[in-house]
C-alpha cells in the first residue's frame, strides 16, 4: 500500500504480521521512505529563517544562517564534500567553459557552483557558489584560492515570494567583518 503525504512524497506502508524463526513480529505500521535522492545533513529550514528574521542583530542573523548552511564561511566545497553533506551532482550541465554544476538533495535545496569563467553571470569574482531553497538564497563569492571574500543572503516572503530581507556581507580570514542589511 502506498500513501502520498502533503509534500507529494510517496511512502510505502506495510501492515500485517511477519513470520520469523523466533516469533510473530507485528508490522502494524512500518514506513519505508521512497523519496528520490539523498537527504541533506546540513540545510536551512523555515525555522532557521524565522529565527534569523526575528534576530535584531544582522551580524548574528547571518552567522546563525551560515552555521546551518551547507555553504558556510570555509573554503569552497569540493564535489566530494558536498556529497558527504547529502547533495548529489544532478548531471545536468551545459558543456562549455564555465558551465555551472548543480548539486541537489531531496530535502535540502540546490547548490550551484560556477568556476573562473562564469559565463552569463553578473556578479564580480572568480568563483561563486549559490545555495537555494524555497525561501532562501545564499551567494558566496570566492577568491582564486577558494577562500570566501563576500556574500549575500536573500530571504523571500513565504507567501508572495518577494525579497523580505537581504544581507550583504564581507568576509576576511573566514570571519564576517561587515554586514549591511
C-alpha atoms as a PDB file:
ATOM      1  CA  UNK A   1       0.000   0.000   0.000  1.00  0.00           C
ATOM      2  CA  UNK A   2       1.285   3.496  -0.842  1.00  0.00           C
ATOM      3  CA  UNK A   3       0.442   6.889   0.638  1.00  0.00           C
ATOM      4  CA  UNK A   4       1.237  10.375  -0.641  1.00  0.00           C
ATOM      5  CA  UNK A   5       1.907  12.982   2.038  1.00  0.00           C
ATOM      6  CA  UNK A   6       1.255  16.743   1.867  1.00  0.00           C
ATOM      7  CA  UNK A   7       4.639  17.375   0.237  1.00  0.00           C
ATOM      8  CA  UNK A   8       3.866  14.939  -2.570  1.00  0.00           C
ATOM      9  CA  UNK A   9       6.349  12.342  -1.335  1.00  0.00           C
ATOM     10  CA  UNK A  10       5.404   8.712  -1.829  1.00  0.00           C
ATOM     11  CA  UNK A  11       5.695   6.394   1.159  1.00  0.00           C
ATOM     12  CA  UNK A  12       5.152   2.651   1.216  1.00  0.00           C
ATOM     13  CA  UNK A  13       3.202   1.441   4.243  1.00  0.00           C
ATOM     14  CA  UNK A  14       3.454  -2.212   5.197  1.00  0.00           C
ATOM     15  CA  UNK A  15       0.937  -3.783   7.555  1.00  0.00           C
ATOM     16  CA  UNK A  16       0.241  -7.252   8.872  1.00  0.00           C
ATOM     17  CA  UNK A  17       2.311  -9.941  10.606  1.00  0.00           C
ATOM     18  CA  UNK A  18       5.678 -11.286   9.578  1.00  0.00           C
ATOM     19  CA  UNK A  19       6.682 -14.847  10.440  1.00  0.00           C
ATOM     20  CA  UNK A  20      10.179 -15.119  11.909  1.00  0.00           C
ATOM     21  CA  UNK A  21      12.057 -18.073  13.285  1.00  0.00           C
ATOM     22  CA  UNK A  22      11.543 -16.889  16.866  1.00  0.00           C
ATOM     23  CA  UNK A  23       8.033 -15.426  16.962  1.00  0.00           C
ATOM     24  CA  UNK A  24       5.474 -13.397  15.079  1.00  0.00           C
ATOM     25  CA  UNK A  25       6.564  -9.796  14.657  1.00  0.00           C
ATOM     26  CA  UNK A  26       3.850  -7.177  14.428  1.00  0.00           C
ATOM     27  CA  UNK A  27       4.228  -4.857  11.441  1.00  0.00           C
ATOM     28  CA  UNK A  28       1.308  -2.637  12.404  1.00  0.00           C
ATOM     29  CA  UNK A  29       2.696   0.351  10.513  1.00  0.00           C
ATOM     30  CA  UNK A  30       6.174   0.492   9.047  1.00  0.00           C
ATOM     31  CA  UNK A  31       7.004   3.424   6.768  1.00  0.00           C
ATOM     32  CA  UNK A  32       9.522   2.954   4.002  1.00  0.00           C
ATOM     33  CA  UNK A  33      10.854   6.242   2.679  1.00  0.00           C
ATOM     34  CA  UNK A  34      10.719   6.330  -1.120  1.00  0.00           C
ATOM     35  CA  UNK A  35      11.695   9.971  -1.679  1.00  0.00           C
ATOM     36  CA  UNK A  36      14.173  10.192  -4.527  1.00  0.00           C
ATOM     37  CA  UNK A  37      17.666  11.473  -3.853  1.00  0.00           C
ATOM     38  CA  UNK A  38      19.920  11.839  -0.859  1.00  0.00           C
ATOM     39  CA  UNK A  39      18.902  13.600   2.348  1.00  0.00           C
ATOM     40  CA  UNK A  40      20.852  16.711   3.323  1.00  0.00           C
ATOM     41  CA  UNK A  41      22.680  16.553   6.640  1.00  0.00           C
ATOM     42  CA  UNK A  42      23.161  20.328   6.569  1.00  0.00           C
ATOM     43  CA  UNK A  43      20.389  22.610   5.318  1.00  0.00           C
ATOM     44  CA  UNK A  44      18.424  25.789   6.043  1.00  0.00           C
ATOM     45  CA  UNK A  45      14.911  25.153   7.363  1.00  0.00           C
ATOM     46  CA  UNK A  46      11.944  27.520   7.714  1.00  0.00           C
ATOM     47  CA  UNK A  47      12.590  27.508  11.471  1.00  0.00           C
ATOM     48  CA  UNK A  48      16.161  28.773  10.859  1.00  0.00           C
ATOM     49  CA  UNK A  49      14.802  31.503   8.568  1.00  0.00           C
ATOM     50  CA  UNK A  50      12.225  32.660  11.134  1.00  0.00           C
ATOM     51  CA  UNK A  51      14.898  32.809  13.867  1.00  0.00           C
ATOM     52  CA  UNK A  52      17.065  34.981  11.603  1.00  0.00           C
ATOM     53  CA  UNK A  53      14.156  37.291  10.762  1.00  0.00           C
ATOM     54  CA  UNK A  54      13.453  37.759  14.485  1.00  0.00           C
ATOM     55  CA  UNK A  55      17.124  38.401  15.338  1.00  0.00           C
ATOM     56  CA  UNK A  56      17.689  42.167  15.866  1.00  0.00           C
ATOM     57  CA  UNK A  57      21.426  41.949  15.077  1.00  0.00           C
ATOM     58  CA  UNK A  58      22.125  41.447  11.342  1.00  0.00           C
ATOM     59  CA  UNK A  59      25.583  40.017  12.126  1.00  0.00           C
ATOM     60  CA  UNK A  60      24.121  37.390  14.483  1.00  0.00           C
ATOM     61  CA  UNK A  61      21.408  36.519  11.951  1.00  0.00           C
ATOM     62  CA  UNK A  62      23.987  35.965   9.194  1.00  0.00           C
ATOM     63  CA  UNK A  63      26.213  33.882  11.494  1.00  0.00           C
ATOM     64  CA  UNK A  64      23.246  31.708  12.540  1.00  0.00           C
ATOM     65  CA  UNK A  65      22.247  31.083   8.923  1.00  0.00           C
ATOM     66  CA  UNK A  66      25.795  30.352   7.739  1.00  0.00           C
ATOM     67  CA  UNK A  67      26.273  27.881  10.613  1.00  0.00           C
ATOM     68  CA  UNK A  68      23.293  25.845   9.343  1.00  0.00           C
ATOM     69  CA  UNK A  69      24.061  26.251   5.631  1.00  0.00           C
ATOM     70  CA  UNK A  70      25.968  23.631   3.612  1.00  0.00           C
ATOM     71  CA  UNK A  71      27.890  26.579   2.110  1.00  0.00           C
ATOM     72  CA  UNK A  72      29.387  28.372   5.112  1.00  0.00           C
ATOM     73  CA  UNK A  73      32.429  30.526   5.848  1.00  0.00           C
ATOM     74  CA  UNK A  74      35.041  27.900   4.925  1.00  0.00           C
ATOM     75  CA  UNK A  75      36.850  27.259   1.658  1.00  0.00           C
ATOM     76  CA  UNK A  76      34.803  26.498  -1.450  1.00  0.00           C
ATOM     77  CA  UNK A  77      33.477  22.930  -1.126  1.00  0.00           C
ATOM     78  CA  UNK A  78      34.521  20.130  -3.454  1.00  0.00           C
ATOM     79  CA  UNK A  79      32.092  17.697  -5.081  1.00  0.00           C
ATOM     80  CA  UNK A  80      33.117  15.045  -2.524  1.00  0.00           C
ATOM     81  CA  UNK A  81      32.442  17.380   0.408  1.00  0.00           C
ATOM     82  CA  UNK A  82      29.005  18.260  -0.979  1.00  0.00           C
ATOM     83  CA  UNK A  83      28.308  14.536  -1.431  1.00  0.00           C
ATOM     84  CA  UNK A  84      29.092  13.870   2.234  1.00  0.00           C
ATOM     85  CA  UNK A  85      26.579  16.600   3.163  1.00  0.00           C
ATOM     86  CA  UNK A  86      23.871  14.825   1.133  1.00  0.00           C
ATOM     87  CA  UNK A  87      23.993  16.807  -2.131  1.00  0.00           C
ATOM     88  CA  UNK A  88      24.383  14.799  -5.354  1.00  0.00           C
ATOM     89  CA  UNK A  89      25.570  16.039  -8.747  1.00  0.00           C
ATOM     90  CA  UNK A  90      22.470  16.420 -10.929  1.00  0.00           C
ATOM     91  CA  UNK A  91      24.459  15.560 -14.047  1.00  0.00           C
ATOM     92  CA  UNK A  92      22.696  18.390 -15.864  1.00  0.00           C
ATOM     93  CA  UNK A  93      25.090  20.981 -17.245  1.00  0.00           C
ATOM     94  CA  UNK A  94      25.960  22.758 -20.418  1.00  0.00           C
ATOM     95  CA  UNK A  95      29.239  21.604 -21.873  1.00  0.00           C
ATOM     96  CA  UNK A  96      31.148  24.850 -22.247  1.00  0.00           C
ATOM     97  CA  UNK A  97      33.917  26.532 -20.297  1.00  0.00           C
ATOM     98  CA  UNK A  98      32.490  27.992 -17.120  1.00  0.00           C
ATOM     99  CA  UNK A  99      29.293  25.955 -17.158  1.00  0.00           C
ATOM    100  CA  UNK A 100      27.702  25.781 -13.709  1.00  0.00           C
ATOM    101  CA  UNK A 101      27.481  22.447 -11.916  1.00  0.00           C
ATOM    102  CA  UNK A 102      24.406  21.823  -9.760  1.00  0.00           C
ATOM    103  CA  UNK A 103      24.126  19.583  -6.722  1.00  0.00           C
ATOM    104  CA  UNK A 104      20.781  18.781  -5.150  1.00  0.00           C
ATOM    105  CA  UNK A 105      19.231  16.873  -2.274  1.00  0.00           C
ATOM    106  CA  UNK A 106      15.661  15.705  -1.930  1.00  0.00           C
ATOM    107  CA  UNK A 107      15.072  17.842   1.159  1.00  0.00           C
ATOM    108  CA  UNK A 108      17.816  20.463   1.379  1.00  0.00           C
ATOM    109  CA  UNK A 109      17.696  22.532  -1.783  1.00  0.00           C
ATOM    110  CA  UNK A 110      20.172  23.109  -4.605  1.00  0.00           C
ATOM    111  CA  UNK A 111      23.795  24.212  -4.677  1.00  0.00           C
ATOM    112  CA  UNK A 112      25.120  25.671  -7.947  1.00  0.00           C
ATOM    113  CA  UNK A 113      28.867  26.130  -8.411  1.00  0.00           C
ATOM    114  CA  UNK A 114      30.347  28.490 -11.013  1.00  0.00           C
ATOM    115  CA  UNK A 115      34.049  28.330 -11.848  1.00  0.00           C
ATOM    116  CA  UNK A 116      36.504  31.010 -13.005  1.00  0.00           C
ATOM    117  CA  UNK A 117      34.932  31.565 -16.429  1.00  0.00           C
ATOM    118  CA  UNK A 118      31.383  32.252 -15.083  1.00  0.00           C
ATOM    119  CA  UNK A 119      29.720  32.850 -18.460  1.00  0.00           C
ATOM    120  CA  UNK A 120      26.496  34.818 -18.251  1.00  0.00           C
ATOM    121  CA  UNK A 121      26.950  35.807 -14.613  1.00  0.00           C
ATOM    122  CA  UNK A 122      26.901  39.432 -13.493  1.00  0.00           C
ATOM    123  CA  UNK A 123      28.483  39.247 -10.009  1.00  0.00           C
ATOM    124  CA  UNK A 124      32.165  40.120  -9.792  1.00  0.00           C
ATOM    125  CA  UNK A 125      34.518  37.434  -8.585  1.00  0.00           C
ATOM    126  CA  UNK A 126      36.305  34.431  -9.981  1.00  0.00           C
ATOM    127  CA  UNK A 127      34.244  31.706  -8.271  1.00  0.00           C
ATOM    128  CA  UNK A 128      30.728  31.689  -6.909  1.00  0.00           C
ATOM    129  CA  UNK A 129      28.568  29.168  -5.066  1.00  0.00           C
ATOM    130  CA  UNK A 130      24.808  29.707  -4.771  1.00  0.00           C
ATOM    131  CA  UNK A 131      22.666  27.747  -2.298  1.00  0.00           C
ATOM    132  CA  UNK A 132      18.872  27.913  -2.805  1.00  0.00           C
ATOM    133  CA  UNK A 133      15.783  26.617  -1.085  1.00  0.00           C
ATOM    134  CA  UNK A 134      12.174  27.766  -1.479  1.00  0.00           C
ATOM    135  CA  UNK A 135      12.614  30.929   0.637  1.00  0.00           C
ATOM    136  CA  UNK A 136      16.358  31.256   0.922  1.00  0.00           C
ATOM    137  CA  UNK A 137      19.137  32.215  -1.479  1.00  0.00           C
ATOM    138  CA  UNK A 138      22.749  32.489  -0.388  1.00  0.00           C
ATOM    139  CA  UNK A 139      25.582  33.567  -2.677  1.00  0.00           C
ATOM    140  CA  UNK A 140      29.224  33.274  -1.634  1.00  0.00           C
ATOM    141  CA  UNK A 141      31.977  34.695  -3.854  1.00  0.00           C
ATOM    142  CA  UNK A 142      35.471  33.209  -3.510  1.00  0.00           C
ATOM    143  CA  UNK A 143      38.929  34.400  -4.494  1.00  0.00           C
ATOM    144  CA  UNK A 144      41.182  32.430  -6.852  1.00  0.00           C
ATOM    145  CA  UNK A 145      42.349  30.253  -3.924  1.00  0.00           C
ATOM    146  CA  UNK A 146      38.827  29.205  -2.888  1.00  0.00           C
ATOM    147  CA  UNK A 147      38.662  31.480   0.170  1.00  0.00           C
ATOM    148  CA  UNK A 148      35.358  33.367   0.711  1.00  0.00           C
ATOM    149  CA  UNK A 149      35.520  37.160   0.275  1.00  0.00           C
ATOM    150  CA  UNK A 150      31.888  38.320   0.258  1.00  0.00           C
ATOM    151  CA  UNK A 151      28.340  37.078   0.177  1.00  0.00           C
ATOM    152  CA  UNK A 152      24.652  37.841   0.021  1.00  0.00           C
ATOM    153  CA  UNK A 153      21.690  36.222   1.749  1.00  0.00           C
ATOM    154  CA  UNK A 154      18.157  36.854   0.477  1.00  0.00           C
ATOM    155  CA  UNK A 155      15.131  35.694   2.433  1.00  0.00           C
ATOM    156  CA  UNK A 156      11.897  35.606   0.474  1.00  0.00           C
ATOM    157  CA  UNK A 157       8.394  36.110   1.816  1.00  0.00           C
ATOM    158  CA  UNK A 158       6.695  32.775   2.477  1.00  0.00           C
ATOM    159  CA  UNK A 159       3.518  33.673   0.569  1.00  0.00           C
ATOM    160  CA  UNK A 160       4.194  36.341  -2.059  1.00  0.00           C
ATOM    161  CA  UNK A 161       7.811  35.419  -2.828  1.00  0.00           C
ATOM    162  CA  UNK A 162       9.265  38.947  -2.766  1.00  0.00           C
ATOM    163  CA  UNK A 163      12.619  39.570  -1.037  1.00  0.00           C
ATOM    164  CA  UNK A 164      11.681  40.150   2.610  1.00  0.00           C
ATOM    165  CA  UNK A 165      15.216  40.713   3.884  1.00  0.00           C
ATOM    166  CA  UNK A 166      18.661  40.903   2.311  1.00  0.00           C
ATOM    167  CA  UNK A 167      22.065  40.799   3.981  1.00  0.00           C
ATOM    168  CA  UNK A 168      25.276  41.719   2.149  1.00  0.00           C
ATOM    169  CA  UNK A 169      28.456  40.807   3.998  1.00  0.00           C
ATOM    170  CA  UNK A 170      32.243  40.835   3.646  1.00  0.00           C
ATOM    171  CA  UNK A 171      34.475  38.002   4.827  1.00  0.00           C
ATOM    172  CA  UNK A 172      38.159  38.163   5.780  1.00  0.00           C
ATOM    173  CA  UNK A 173      40.170  35.183   7.051  1.00  0.00           C
ATOM    174  CA  UNK A 174      36.991  33.118   7.435  1.00  0.00           C
ATOM    175  CA  UNK A 175      35.247  35.719   9.624  1.00  0.00           C
ATOM    176  CA  UNK A 176      32.433  38.141   8.890  1.00  0.00           C
ATOM    177  CA  UNK A 177      33.823  41.677   9.109  1.00  0.00           C
ATOM    178  CA  UNK A 178      30.873  43.732   7.836  1.00  0.00           C
ATOM    179  CA  UNK A 179      27.132  43.139   7.369  1.00  0.00           C
ATOM    180  CA  UNK A 180      24.829  45.528   5.518  1.00  0.00           C
ATOM    181  CA  UNK A 181      21.097  44.900   5.821  1.00  0.00           C
END
